[in-house]
Amino acid sequence: MENISEEKHSKKFLKILLKITIVVIFLVGVAFALKVAPNYVRNDITDRTNLIINYSNVTGRMKHNLIVDENGIVYLSLDDIKNYYDRNIYYDEEYNQIVTSTEGKLAVIKLNENKIKINGVESDINGAAMVKDGVYYLPISEMEEVYKIKITNPENKVVMESLDRKLTTATTNKKVAVKSKTIFFSSTIEKIEENEKVVITEMEPNTLPEGWIKIRTQNGNLGYVEEKNLNNIHVERETTVYEAPMKEKVSMVWEYFSEYGKAPNNENIKYNGVNVVSPSFFYLKLKDTEKDNLTKSDVQEQSKVIENVGDEGVKYIEWAHKNGYKVWAKLSNETKSTTIDEFSCIINDYELRNAMITDILNYVKKYNLDGINVDFEYMYKNDKDAFSKFIIELAPQLKANGTCLSVDVTAPNGGDNWSLCYDRNLIGEIADYIVFMGYDQYGTSVIGTTSGYNWLVNSIKNFREYEEVPSEKLILGLPFYTKLWQTKDGNTIKSSIVSISGVAGAVPSGASREWQEDVQQYYVQYEKGGYVYKMWIEDEESFAKKIGLVKDKNLAGAAYWKKGFDTDGIWEVIKKGLDL
């Protein structure tokens, strides 16, 4: 009886143990399922063609669906091109065309025409820009040259690879299962054969578990493999890095002469501390200056970039190149024959902007110029975007020719037509250099310094932090002059420009000087003939403080207005300040 009882207890124990084991196995299975099952969920978008841009599937983030027609032409919406390739692309309603640009390429494509114009050269293409359901689309597969991309179309996918980005590849050393996650139990995205070439995607350091690599297969699939399954990992292409036109600090001087003047004869003369000269060679002008109230059609017929080069200018260019100076010819809108309204008409019309650009490109080639310095001032605030379009359309065509583009702008704070008419952020992105004209701080109505140190510091800060202009593209424009203010009973009578070289003769020898720390200048005030005269002196000491900002703020260089107002001592200050 005792043995029977023990046997019953033993069987009962085994049953309990079996139940516990079953429960444990069940719980482990549940836990395993909860942990592993999510790794088998596929997040592919299957109801449309997927777009892979470099190493990301952007399909779910696109504003409009990708279109691939029966001929294999790939269409991407204007909105998505703006997001991924050209934030400045726009539809020009007047001429029914889309204008887009990248570094070195300006492309114009009219709607519903199988043609594209790149840097002024028209060619036939297999697709046309179109409107579908109110959305503008471009045949991007016909525009690989414009955007510097390579497009492939595997398995319900379109892969767009940027040819200016780093490319690392490898080959498989056996058959490999490409996983959706970096664990063995994740779902298999694709099985690839031995010796198949794959692209290794760029990842931030330490973002993947050790031994795992993210790849893109030839079918455009993105997934993970173990590094041990890859051979021959190597870089086929490095990222294209922006290179400034000038390796050293820019030291540019404007050489001003009016539209009727002549370039100076500099034979046997050498400028000290200069590596760029900017002569006043070009002006935007209306040829017919006698006619009043010009209509738009009049402006279209009459507007032109006129040159003031002549034999003297040709010799000037030869002199500059002989002495190792770059020539960045200045293009100005400061002619009496072109009013702000007429300028507005020109700058807002694509064809008129294009005519300007054509003139400029022809002049660049004709005179072997190294650069163009655009100096358009006094524009309507409402023309800011139009002026930006001009820079957008000019820059790539100059770039394709190896010609530098610098654009002069005023300080970020100021009046509508003087300061708020510039999109400094965009200009700083598109142009090679943006030149801050760091003078005329108070204009002609408010008594004050022409260029105070504290004002320059604050303006540079606004350029870099608020306008987000890169320091390495910002040139600090400085004055070779100051102003003498004539006042009576506290009111301004007039102001007159006094060059640095003329300060000694303009200030009486007995006048006392007071150093003002905030502006880093000497202030002079004296009485003469019943008037009170005031001046913030520009000299070697004050200029040394200003030129020091170039190195302190890591700026691209400095520019000076203008040649003829200088002294030998100032040039020594510049050479020392810029290490020239």
Protein backbone atom coordinates (compact mmCIF):
# COMPACT_ATOMS: atom_id res chain seq x y z
CA MET A 1 0.00 0.00 0.00
CA GLU A 2 2.82 2.32 0.81
CA ASN A 3 4.38 1.80 -2.63
CA ILE A 4 1.07 2.54 -4.33
CA SER A 5 0.74 5.80 -2.40
CA GLU A 6 4.24 6.90 -3.35
CA GLU A 7 3.54 6.10 -6.99
CA LYS A 8 0.38 8.25 -6.91
CA HIS A 9 2.28 11.15 -5.37
CA SER A 10 5.01 10.78 -7.96
CA LYS A 11 2.52 10.84 -10.86
CA LYS A 12 0.76 13.84 -9.35
CA PHE A 13 4.07 15.66 -9.03
CA LEU A 14 4.97 14.88 -12.62
CA LYS A 15 1.61 16.20 -13.83
CA ILE A 16 2.12 19.43 -11.88
CA LEU A 17 5.67 19.74 -13.23
CA LEU A 18 4.38 19.15 -16.78
CA LYS A 19 1.76 21.85 -16.37
CA ILE A 20 4.32 24.27 -15.02
CA THR A 21 6.64 23.43 -17.89
CA ILE A 22 3.85 23.98 -20.41
CA VAL A 23 2.99 27.33 -18.81
CA VAL A 24 6.64 28.38 -18.81
CA ILE A 25 7.04 27.35 -22.45
CA PHE A 26 3.86 29.24 -23.29
CA LEU A 27 5.04 32.36 -21.49
CA VAL A 28 8.45 32.15 -23.12
CA GLY A 29 6.75 31.74 -26.47
CA VAL A 30 4.57 34.74 -25.83
CA ALA A 31 7.57 36.80 -24.75
CA PHE A 32 9.51 35.59 -27.78
CA ALA A 33 6.61 36.46 -30.05
CA LEU A 34 6.21 39.87 -28.50
CA LYS A 35 9.91 40.57 -28.96
CA VAL A 36 10.51 38.99 -32.33
CA ALA A 37 7.22 39.29 -34.19
CA PRO A 38 7.48 43.07 -34.66
CA ASN A 39 10.72 42.45 -36.51
CA TYR A 40 8.74 40.63 -39.18
CA VAL A 41 6.37 43.50 -39.83
CA ARG A 42 7.07 45.08 -43.23
CA ASN A 43 6.59 48.81 -43.45
CA ASP A 44 6.93 49.03 -47.22
CA ILE A 45 4.52 51.34 -49.05
CA THR A 46 3.02 49.05 -51.65
CA ASP A 47 0.32 51.21 -53.24
CA ARG A 48 2.70 53.50 -55.15
CA THR A 49 6.18 53.76 -56.60
CA ASN A 50 8.71 54.23 -53.82
CA LEU A 51 11.35 56.96 -54.05
CA ILE A 52 14.80 56.28 -52.61
CA ILE A 53 17.03 59.35 -52.42
CA ASN A 54 20.56 58.22 -51.64
CA TYR A 55 20.08 56.23 -48.42
CA SER A 56 16.51 57.04 -47.41
CA ASN A 57 13.08 55.92 -48.55
CA VAL A 58 11.30 59.30 -48.67
CA THR A 59 8.01 58.03 -50.12
CA GLY A 60 6.02 58.63 -46.96
CA ARG A 61 7.34 62.19 -46.64
CA MET A 62 6.65 63.32 -50.20
CA LYS A 63 4.07 66.00 -50.85
CA HIS A 64 2.89 64.35 -54.08
CA ASN A 65 3.20 60.91 -55.61
CA LEU A 66 6.00 60.09 -58.00
CA ILE A 67 4.89 59.49 -61.58
CA VAL A 68 6.52 57.02 -63.98
CA ASP A 69 4.89 57.03 -67.40
CA GLU A 70 4.66 54.20 -69.92
CA ASN A 71 7.96 55.28 -71.48
CA GLY A 72 9.80 55.12 -68.18
CA ILE A 73 10.04 58.90 -67.78
CA VAL A 74 10.13 59.78 -64.08
CA TYR A 75 8.24 62.89 -62.96
CA LEU A 76 8.76 64.62 -59.64
CA SER A 77 6.59 67.47 -58.41
CA LEU A 78 7.91 71.02 -58.17
CA ASP A 79 7.13 70.96 -54.45
CA ASP A 80 9.23 67.84 -53.88
CA ILE A 81 12.09 69.16 -56.03
CA LYS A 82 11.99 72.30 -53.90
CA ASN A 83 12.26 70.10 -50.80
CA TYR A 84 15.04 67.79 -51.97
CA TYR A 85 17.03 69.51 -54.72
CA ASP A 86 16.40 73.22 -55.29
CA ARG A 87 14.67 75.34 -52.68
CA ASN A 88 14.68 78.29 -55.10
CA ILE A 89 12.85 76.62 -58.00
CA TYR A 90 9.83 78.62 -59.18
CA TYR A 91 7.08 78.75 -61.78
CA ASP A 92 7.21 81.87 -63.94
CA GLU A 93 3.58 82.56 -64.78
CA GLU A 94 4.26 85.30 -67.32
CA TYR A 95 6.34 83.03 -69.55
CA ASN A 96 4.68 79.72 -68.52
CA GLN A 97 7.96 78.10 -67.54
CA ILE A 98 9.75 76.57 -64.58
CA VAL A 99 13.17 77.93 -63.64
CA THR A 100 15.51 75.81 -61.55
CA SER A 101 19.20 75.94 -60.76
CA THR A 102 22.06 74.12 -59.08
CA GLU A 103 25.74 74.91 -58.85
CA GLY A 104 26.88 75.58 -62.40
CA LYS A 105 23.50 74.92 -64.07
CA LEU A 106 20.47 77.10 -64.78
CA ALA A 107 17.61 75.16 -66.38
CA VAL A 108 14.48 76.64 -67.92
CA ILE A 109 11.73 74.28 -69.05
CA LYS A 110 8.48 75.50 -70.55
CA LEU A 111 5.27 73.65 -69.78
CA ASN A 112 4.06 71.07 -72.31
CA GLU A 113 7.16 71.43 -74.51
CA ASN A 114 9.72 68.65 -74.90
CA LYS A 115 12.60 71.09 -74.63
CA ILE A 116 14.96 72.28 -71.93
CA LYS A 117 17.37 75.20 -71.90
CA ILE A 118 20.49 74.73 -69.76
CA ASN A 119 22.76 77.76 -69.37
CA GLY A 120 21.15 79.26 -72.44
CA VAL A 121 21.58 76.19 -74.69
CA GLU A 122 18.32 74.55 -75.76
CA SER A 123 17.96 70.82 -76.41
CA ASP A 124 15.18 68.27 -76.94
CA ILE A 125 14.10 65.93 -74.13
CA ASN A 126 11.75 62.96 -73.93
CA GLY A 127 9.34 64.47 -71.42
CA ALA A 128 7.74 67.83 -70.72
CA ALA A 129 6.94 69.84 -67.63
CA MET A 130 3.23 69.49 -66.99
CA VAL A 131 0.37 70.24 -64.63
CA LYS A 132 -1.63 67.32 -63.24
CA ASP A 133 -4.44 67.79 -60.74
CA GLY A 134 -3.18 71.32 -60.13
CA VAL A 135 0.37 70.14 -59.35
CA TYR A 136 3.44 71.09 -61.42
CA TYR A 137 5.66 68.17 -62.42
CA LEU A 138 9.08 68.05 -64.06
CA PRO A 139 10.57 65.11 -66.01
CA ILE A 140 13.42 64.70 -63.55
CA SER A 141 14.85 61.66 -65.32
CA GLU A 142 15.61 64.02 -68.21
CA MET A 143 17.33 66.46 -65.83
CA GLU A 144 20.09 64.33 -64.30
CA GLU A 145 22.69 66.79 -65.61
CA VAL A 146 20.98 69.69 -63.85
CA TYR A 147 20.70 68.09 -60.41
CA LYS A 148 23.88 65.99 -60.65
CA ILE A 149 22.04 62.76 -59.98
CA LYS A 150 21.86 59.24 -61.39
CA ILE A 151 18.41 57.67 -61.61
CA THR A 152 17.61 53.96 -61.73
CA ASN A 153 14.19 52.34 -61.69
CA PRO A 154 14.21 48.82 -60.15
CA GLU A 155 11.20 46.85 -58.82
CA ASN A 156 8.52 49.49 -58.29
CA LYS A 157 11.18 51.89 -57.00
CA VAL A 158 13.03 54.93 -58.25
CA VAL A 159 16.51 55.45 -56.85
CA MET A 160 18.08 58.91 -57.14
CA GLU A 161 21.75 58.96 -56.25
CA SER A 162 23.55 62.28 -55.78
CA LEU A 163 26.80 62.27 -57.73
CA ASP A 164 28.36 64.90 -55.49
CA ARG A 165 28.01 62.76 -52.33
CA LYS A 166 30.38 60.16 -50.95
CA LEU A 167 29.87 56.65 -52.35
CA THR A 168 31.16 53.55 -50.53
CA THR A 169 30.57 50.09 -52.03
CA ALA A 170 31.31 46.45 -51.20
CA THR A 171 30.66 42.96 -52.55
CA THR A 172 29.09 39.99 -50.78
CA ASN A 173 31.29 36.97 -50.02
CA LYS A 174 28.35 34.53 -49.93
CA LYS A 175 24.59 34.44 -50.30
CA VAL A 176 23.24 36.99 -47.85
CA ALA A 177 19.85 37.71 -46.33
CA VAL A 178 19.34 41.47 -46.03
CA LYS A 179 17.51 42.11 -42.75
CA SER A 180 15.01 44.78 -41.82
CA LYS A 181 16.69 45.25 -38.43
CA THR A 182 20.06 44.55 -36.85
CA ILE A 183 19.02 41.25 -35.24
CA PHE A 184 19.01 37.71 -36.60
CA PHE A 185 15.26 37.17 -36.08
CA SER A 186 14.17 40.23 -38.07
CA SER A 187 12.40 39.80 -41.40
CA THR A 188 14.38 39.31 -44.59
CA ILE A 189 13.95 42.16 -47.06
CA GLU A 190 15.89 40.57 -49.89
CA LYS A 191 18.25 37.64 -50.52
CA ILE A 192 21.27 38.54 -52.62
CA GLU A 193 23.82 36.34 -54.33
CA GLU A 194 27.52 35.97 -53.73
CA ASN A 195 29.75 38.67 -55.35
CA GLU A 196 26.83 41.09 -55.65
CA LYS A 197 27.76 44.76 -55.40
CA VAL A 198 26.02 46.81 -52.70
CA VAL A 199 26.17 50.43 -51.56
CA ILE A 200 27.07 51.08 -47.94
CA THR A 201 24.91 53.86 -46.57
CA GLU A 202 26.26 56.79 -44.59
CA MET A 203 25.50 56.55 -40.88
CA GLU A 204 26.44 58.57 -37.83
CA PRO A 205 29.21 56.87 -35.80
CA ASN A 206 28.06 54.37 -33.18
CA THR A 207 24.46 54.28 -34.42
CA LEU A 208 24.54 50.55 -35.28
CA PRO A 209 25.48 47.52 -33.16
CA GLU A 210 29.04 46.38 -33.68
CA GLY A 211 29.44 44.15 -36.71
CA TRP A 212 26.37 45.39 -38.60
CA ILE A 213 26.24 47.63 -41.70
CA LYS A 214 23.33 49.28 -43.48
CA ILE A 215 23.32 48.81 -47.24
CA ARG A 216 21.36 49.59 -50.38
CA THR A 217 20.97 46.71 -52.81
CA GLN A 218 20.89 46.89 -56.58
CA ASN A 219 17.11 46.59 -56.33
CA GLY A 220 16.99 49.75 -54.25
CA ASN A 221 16.17 47.98 -50.99
CA LEU A 222 17.57 49.35 -47.75
CA GLY A 223 18.49 46.95 -44.97
CA TYR A 224 21.17 45.49 -42.72
CA VAL A 225 23.83 42.81 -43.11
CA GLU A 226 26.68 41.62 -40.95
CA GLU A 227 29.99 43.19 -41.94
CA LYS A 228 31.68 39.78 -42.02
CA ASN A 229 29.57 38.95 -45.10
CA LEU A 230 31.12 41.77 -47.14
CA ASN A 231 34.43 42.07 -48.99
CA ASN A 232 36.22 44.88 -50.79
CA ILE A 233 34.71 47.77 -48.85
CA HIS A 234 36.07 50.93 -50.47
CA VAL A 235 35.21 54.55 -51.27
CA GLU A 236 34.46 55.05 -54.97
CA ARG A 237 33.63 58.74 -54.73
CA GLU A 238 34.23 61.46 -52.15
CA THR A 239 31.77 64.22 -51.25
CA THR A 240 32.26 67.34 -53.34
CA VAL A 241 33.47 70.10 -51.03
CA TYR A 242 32.85 73.78 -51.73
CA GLU A 243 36.06 75.61 -52.53
CA ALA A 244 36.21 79.39 -52.26
CA PRO A 245 37.54 81.15 -55.37
CA MET A 246 40.27 82.77 -53.25
CA LYS A 247 42.57 80.65 -51.10
CA GLU A 248 43.79 83.66 -49.11
CA LYS A 249 41.86 86.48 -47.49
CA VAL A 250 40.21 88.74 -50.07
CA SER A 251 41.57 92.29 -50.13
CA MET A 252 39.51 94.15 -52.74
CA VAL A 253 39.51 97.81 -53.60
CA TRP A 254 36.81 99.48 -55.65
CA GLU A 255 38.18 101.64 -58.44
CA TYR A 256 35.39 104.10 -59.14
CA PHE A 257 34.86 106.18 -62.26
CA SER A 258 31.49 107.26 -63.59
CA GLU A 259 29.75 105.82 -66.62
CA TYR A 260 31.40 108.61 -68.60
CA GLY A 261 34.85 108.38 -66.98
CA LYS A 262 37.86 106.35 -67.93
CA ALA A 263 39.84 103.66 -66.17
CA PRO A 264 43.02 105.04 -64.58
CA ASN A 265 46.38 104.64 -66.21
CA ASN A 266 48.28 102.45 -63.74
CA GLU A 267 51.29 101.64 -65.87
CA ASN A 268 54.36 101.08 -63.69
CA ILE A 269 52.17 101.34 -60.55
CA LYS A 270 51.63 98.54 -58.05
CA TYR A 271 48.98 98.51 -55.32
CA ASN A 272 50.17 97.50 -51.87
CA GLY A 273 48.03 95.00 -49.93
CA VAL A 274 45.54 94.26 -52.75
CA ASN A 275 44.71 90.99 -54.49
CA VAL A 276 41.40 92.00 -56.13
CA VAL A 277 40.43 95.19 -57.98
CA SER A 278 36.84 96.13 -58.82
CA PRO A 279 36.68 98.78 -61.56
CA SER A 280 33.36 100.48 -62.42
CA PHE A 281 33.02 98.91 -65.85
CA PHE A 282 29.30 98.13 -66.19
CA TYR A 283 26.00 99.95 -65.63
CA LEU A 284 22.38 98.98 -66.05
CA LYS A 285 20.95 101.73 -68.21
CA LEU A 286 18.08 102.71 -70.48
CA LYS A 287 19.41 103.77 -73.85
CA ASP A 288 16.58 106.23 -74.54
CA THR A 289 17.02 108.83 -71.80
CA GLU A 290 14.91 111.54 -73.42
CA LYS A 291 11.55 109.84 -73.19
CA ASP A 292 9.42 110.36 -70.08
CA ASN A 293 7.05 107.82 -68.48
CA LEU A 294 8.49 104.74 -70.15
CA THR A 295 6.06 101.83 -70.45
CA LYS A 296 7.04 98.22 -69.81
CA SER A 297 7.47 97.60 -73.53
CA ASP A 298 9.71 100.67 -73.71
CA VAL A 299 11.82 99.32 -70.89
CA GLN A 300 12.02 95.92 -72.58
CA GLU A 301 13.33 97.56 -75.72
CA GLN A 302 15.65 100.04 -74.05
CA SER A 303 17.19 98.30 -71.04
CA LYS A 304 20.77 97.19 -71.45
CA VAL A 305 23.97 96.61 -69.54
CA ILE A 306 26.33 99.21 -70.98
CA GLU A 307 30.08 98.94 -70.74
CA ASN A 308 32.62 101.58 -69.89
CA VAL A 309 35.78 99.67 -70.58
CA GLY A 310 37.36 101.13 -73.70
CA ASP A 311 41.05 101.00 -74.53
CA GLU A 312 41.92 102.33 -71.08
CA GLY A 313 39.94 99.54 -69.42
CA VAL A 314 41.61 96.87 -71.54
CA LYS A 315 45.01 98.20 -70.47
CA TYR A 316 43.79 98.31 -66.86
CA ILE A 317 42.84 94.62 -66.99
CA GLU A 318 46.19 93.74 -68.52
CA TRP A 319 47.95 95.73 -65.79
CA ALA A 320 45.95 94.01 -63.05
CA HIS A 321 46.62 90.50 -64.35
CA LYS A 322 50.29 91.28 -64.86
CA ASN A 323 50.54 92.22 -61.18
CA GLY A 324 48.60 89.16 -60.00
CA TYR A 325 45.32 90.92 -59.15
CA LYS A 326 41.93 89.40 -59.87
CA VAL A 327 39.52 91.69 -61.72
CA TRP A 328 35.97 91.61 -60.35
CA ALA A 329 34.28 94.25 -62.50
CA LYS A 330 31.52 96.21 -60.78
CA LEU A 331 27.98 96.18 -62.20
CA SER A 332 25.89 99.08 -60.90
CA ASN A 333 22.37 100.46 -61.27
CA GLU A 334 23.44 103.96 -60.24
CA THR A 335 22.68 105.85 -63.44
CA LYS A 336 20.56 108.97 -63.62
CA SER A 337 18.68 107.57 -66.60
CA THR A 338 17.23 104.57 -64.72
CA THR A 339 14.73 105.35 -61.97
CA ILE A 340 13.75 102.98 -59.17
CA ASP A 341 10.46 102.29 -60.99
CA GLU A 342 12.21 101.45 -64.24
CA PHE A 343 14.69 99.27 -62.38
CA SER A 344 11.72 97.51 -60.74
CA CYS A 345 10.25 96.81 -64.15
CA ILE A 346 13.52 95.30 -65.35
CA ILE A 347 14.30 93.18 -62.31
CA ASN A 348 10.79 91.66 -62.18
CA ASP A 349 10.83 90.38 -65.76
CA TYR A 350 12.58 87.08 -66.50
CA GLU A 351 13.42 87.97 -70.10
CA LEU A 352 14.91 91.33 -69.07
CA ARG A 353 16.95 89.66 -66.33
CA ASN A 354 18.07 87.08 -68.87
CA ALA A 355 19.08 89.85 -71.29
CA MET A 356 21.19 91.43 -68.52
CA ILE A 357 22.82 88.10 -67.76
CA THR A 358 23.57 87.49 -71.44
CA ASP A 359 25.27 90.90 -71.64
CA ILE A 360 27.30 90.15 -68.51
CA LEU A 361 28.43 86.72 -69.75
CA ASN A 362 29.48 88.21 -73.08
CA TYR A 363 31.49 90.94 -71.34
CA VAL A 364 33.15 88.40 -69.03
CA LYS A 365 34.40 86.42 -72.01
CA LYS A 366 35.25 89.49 -74.09
CA TYR A 367 37.48 91.03 -71.42
CA ASN A 368 38.72 87.88 -69.64
CA LEU A 369 37.27 88.97 -66.29
CA ASP A 370 37.81 86.96 -63.13
CA GLY A 371 34.61 88.04 -61.43
CA ILE A 372 31.55 90.26 -61.33
CA ASN A 373 30.70 92.47 -58.35
CA VAL A 374 26.96 93.24 -58.38
CA ASP A 375 26.25 96.58 -56.73
CA PHE A 376 22.51 97.19 -57.06
CA GLU A 377 21.35 99.70 -54.45
CA TYR A 378 18.17 101.59 -53.66
CA MET A 379 15.52 99.06 -54.67
CA TYR A 380 11.93 98.57 -53.57
CA LYS A 381 11.46 96.23 -50.62
CA ASN A 382 8.85 94.40 -52.73
CA ASP A 383 11.55 93.67 -55.31
CA LYS A 384 13.61 91.60 -52.88
CA ASP A 385 12.52 88.26 -54.37
CA ALA A 386 13.00 89.51 -57.93
CA PHE A 387 16.55 90.62 -57.15
CA SER A 388 17.17 87.22 -55.55
CA LYS A 389 15.98 85.54 -58.75
CA PHE A 390 18.49 87.62 -60.71
CA ILE A 391 21.30 86.34 -58.48
CA ILE A 392 19.95 82.77 -58.67
CA GLU A 393 19.89 82.94 -62.47
CA LEU A 394 23.27 84.67 -62.82
CA ALA A 395 25.35 82.67 -60.35
CA PRO A 396 25.34 79.19 -61.96
CA GLN A 397 26.15 80.56 -65.39
CA LEU A 398 29.12 82.51 -64.02
CA LYS A 399 30.13 79.40 -62.07
CA ALA A 400 30.11 77.30 -65.23
CA ASN A 401 32.52 79.83 -66.72
CA GLY A 402 34.79 79.80 -63.66
CA THR A 403 33.86 83.40 -62.85
CA CYS A 404 33.47 84.62 -59.26
CA LEU A 405 30.27 86.37 -58.14
CA SER A 406 30.25 88.84 -55.25
CA VAL A 407 27.17 90.82 -54.25
CA ASP A 408 27.18 94.09 -52.28
CA VAL A 409 24.54 94.54 -49.58
CA THR A 410 23.87 96.96 -46.76
CA ALA A 411 23.59 96.25 -43.03
CA PRO A 412 20.66 93.99 -42.03
CA ASN A 413 18.87 96.77 -40.15
CA GLY A 414 17.64 99.82 -42.04
CA GLY A 415 15.00 101.27 -44.33
CA ASP A 416 12.80 99.49 -46.85
CA ASN A 417 14.57 100.62 -50.01
CA TRP A 418 18.05 100.62 -48.50
CA SER A 419 18.23 97.52 -46.32
CA LEU A 420 15.08 95.38 -46.42
CA CYS A 421 15.35 94.89 -50.19
CA TYR A 422 17.99 92.14 -49.81
CA ASP A 423 17.56 88.46 -48.93
CA ARG A 424 21.00 88.13 -47.37
CA ASN A 425 20.55 84.48 -46.44
CA LEU A 426 19.81 83.47 -50.02
CA ILE A 427 22.51 85.69 -51.51
CA GLY A 428 25.00 84.24 -49.03
CA GLU A 429 24.02 80.75 -50.15
CA ILE A 430 24.09 81.37 -53.89
CA ALA A 431 26.92 83.86 -54.49
CA ASP A 432 30.59 83.11 -53.93
CA TYR A 433 30.85 86.14 -51.64
CA ILE A 434 28.49 88.63 -50.03
CA VAL A 435 30.02 92.04 -49.35
CA PHE A 436 28.72 93.98 -46.35
CA MET A 437 29.04 97.67 -47.13
CA GLY A 438 30.08 98.68 -43.63
CA TYR A 439 29.79 102.42 -44.06
CA ASP A 440 27.24 105.26 -44.15
CA GLN A 441 26.01 104.03 -40.79
CA TYR A 442 23.77 107.07 -40.29
CA GLY A 443 23.23 108.19 -43.88
CA THR A 444 23.05 111.93 -44.44
CA SER A 445 20.35 113.00 -41.97
CA VAL A 446 21.55 111.82 -38.57
CA ILE A 447 24.86 113.06 -37.17
CA GLY A 448 27.17 110.21 -36.31
CA THR A 449 30.17 108.15 -37.32
CA THR A 450 30.42 106.76 -40.82
CA SER A 451 31.51 103.33 -39.63
CA GLY A 452 31.54 102.62 -35.91
CA TYR A 453 33.35 99.55 -34.59
CA ASN A 454 30.44 98.52 -32.35
CA TRP A 455 28.00 98.84 -35.26
CA LEU A 456 30.23 96.63 -37.44
CA VAL A 457 30.45 94.00 -34.70
CA ASN A 458 26.67 93.92 -34.24
CA SER A 459 26.05 93.85 -37.99
CA ILE A 460 28.48 90.96 -38.51
CA LYS A 461 26.72 89.10 -35.71
CA ASN A 462 23.36 89.67 -37.44
CA PHE A 463 24.79 88.47 -40.76
CA ARG A 464 26.08 85.27 -39.21
CA GLU A 465 23.43 84.42 -36.64
CA TYR A 466 20.19 85.96 -37.87
CA GLU A 467 20.77 85.96 -41.64
CA GLU A 468 22.83 82.72 -41.40
CA VAL A 469 25.48 83.92 -43.84
CA PRO A 470 28.60 81.72 -43.57
CA SER A 471 31.58 83.64 -42.19
CA GLU A 472 33.82 82.24 -44.93
CA LYS A 473 31.64 83.97 -47.55
CA LEU A 474 31.32 87.37 -45.84
CA ILE A 475 33.57 90.22 -46.98
CA LEU A 476 33.70 93.31 -44.76
CA GLY A 477 33.46 96.53 -46.78
CA LEU A 478 35.25 99.44 -45.10
CA PRO A 479 35.43 103.16 -45.89
CA PHE A 480 38.54 105.09 -46.85
CA TYR A 481 36.61 108.18 -45.76
CA THR A 482 34.62 109.81 -43.02
CA LYS A 483 32.16 112.71 -42.88
CA LEU A 484 32.52 116.26 -41.62
CA TRP A 485 29.23 117.47 -40.17
CA GLN A 486 28.41 121.19 -40.25
CA THR A 487 25.78 122.18 -37.66
CA LYS A 488 24.16 125.28 -36.27
CA ASP A 489 22.05 125.42 -33.09
CA GLY A 490 22.16 121.62 -32.97
CA ASN A 491 20.73 121.20 -36.46
CA THR A 492 22.53 119.62 -39.39
CA ILE A 493 23.34 122.08 -42.15
CA LYS A 494 25.24 119.66 -44.37
CA SER A 495 27.78 116.89 -44.39
CA SER A 496 30.77 116.46 -46.67
CA ILE A 497 32.95 113.47 -47.39
CA VAL A 498 36.54 113.67 -46.22
CA SER A 499 39.00 111.01 -47.40
CA ILE A 500 41.47 109.45 -44.99
CA SER A 501 44.20 111.24 -46.89
CA GLY A 502 42.34 114.54 -46.43
CA VAL A 503 41.57 114.33 -42.69
CA ALA A 504 44.70 116.21 -41.62
CA GLY A 505 43.84 119.13 -43.85
CA ALA A 506 40.18 119.22 -42.79
CA VAL A 507 40.70 119.38 -39.02
CA PRO A 508 42.32 122.47 -37.45
CA SER A 509 45.61 121.68 -35.79
CA GLY A 510 44.41 123.00 -32.46
CA ALA A 511 41.23 120.92 -32.30
CA SER A 512 41.16 118.51 -29.37
CA ARG A 513 40.60 114.81 -30.00
CA GLU A 514 38.58 112.52 -27.75
CA TRP A 515 38.89 108.75 -28.10
CA GLN A 516 35.49 107.03 -28.05
CA GLU A 517 35.80 103.41 -27.00
CA ASP A 518 32.51 102.16 -28.45
CA VAL A 519 33.21 103.31 -32.01
CA GLN A 520 37.02 102.97 -31.68
CA GLN A 521 37.57 106.39 -33.23
CA TYR A 522 38.71 109.86 -32.25
CA TYR A 523 35.91 112.40 -32.10
CA VAL A 524 36.63 116.02 -33.00
CA GLN A 525 34.39 119.05 -32.51
CA TYR A 526 35.33 122.66 -33.24
CA GLU A 527 33.76 126.03 -34.06
CA LYS A 528 34.42 128.07 -37.15
CA GLY A 529 32.53 130.98 -38.73
CA GLY A 530 29.55 130.61 -36.41
CA TYR A 531 29.13 126.89 -37.13
CA VAL A 532 29.95 123.82 -35.08
CA TYR A 533 31.81 121.08 -36.97
CA LYS A 534 31.89 117.44 -35.89
CA MET A 535 33.91 114.49 -37.16
CA TRP A 536 34.61 110.89 -36.19
CA ILE A 537 38.10 110.48 -37.58
CA GLU A 538 39.07 107.53 -39.77
CA ASP A 539 42.79 106.92 -39.52
CA GLU A 540 45.33 104.13 -39.20
CA GLU A 541 44.45 103.45 -35.57
CA SER A 542 40.69 103.17 -36.13
CA PHE A 543 41.16 101.23 -39.35
CA ALA A 544 43.40 98.70 -37.64
CA LYS A 545 40.56 97.91 -35.21
CA LYS A 546 38.12 97.37 -38.09
CA ILE A 547 40.40 95.27 -40.27
CA GLY A 548 41.10 93.12 -37.21
CA LEU A 549 37.49 91.92 -37.35
CA VAL A 550 38.29 89.90 -40.48
CA LYS A 551 40.55 87.54 -38.54
CA ASP A 552 38.63 87.78 -35.26
CA LYS A 553 35.35 86.73 -36.93
CA ASN A 554 36.97 84.44 -39.53
CA LEU A 555 35.57 86.47 -42.44
CA ALA A 556 36.46 85.95 -46.09
CA GLY A 557 38.27 89.26 -46.35
CA ALA A 558 37.79 92.99 -46.70
CA ALA A 559 36.91 95.52 -49.39
CA TYR A 560 37.54 99.27 -49.48
CA TRP A 561 35.68 102.25 -50.88
CA LYS A 562 37.47 103.68 -52.68
CA LYS A 563 40.90 103.88 -54.35
CA GLY A 564 42.23 107.42 -54.25
CA PHE A 565 40.99 108.10 -50.71
CA ASP A 566 43.77 105.96 -49.20
CA THR A 567 47.21 106.54 -47.73
CA ASP A 568 50.35 104.41 -47.74
CA GLY A 569 49.96 103.94 -44.00
CA ILE A 570 46.47 102.49 -44.39
CA TRP A 571 47.76 99.88 -46.81
CA GLU A 572 50.44 98.85 -44.33
CA VAL A 573 47.66 98.38 -41.74
CA ILE A 574 45.73 96.22 -44.22
CA LYS A 575 48.74 94.07 -45.09
CA LYS A 576 49.45 93.43 -41.44
CA GLY A 577 45.79 92.82 -40.56
CA LEU A 578 45.24 90.29 -43.35
CA ASP A 579 48.72 88.73 -43.38
CA LEU A 580 49.22 89.65 -47.02
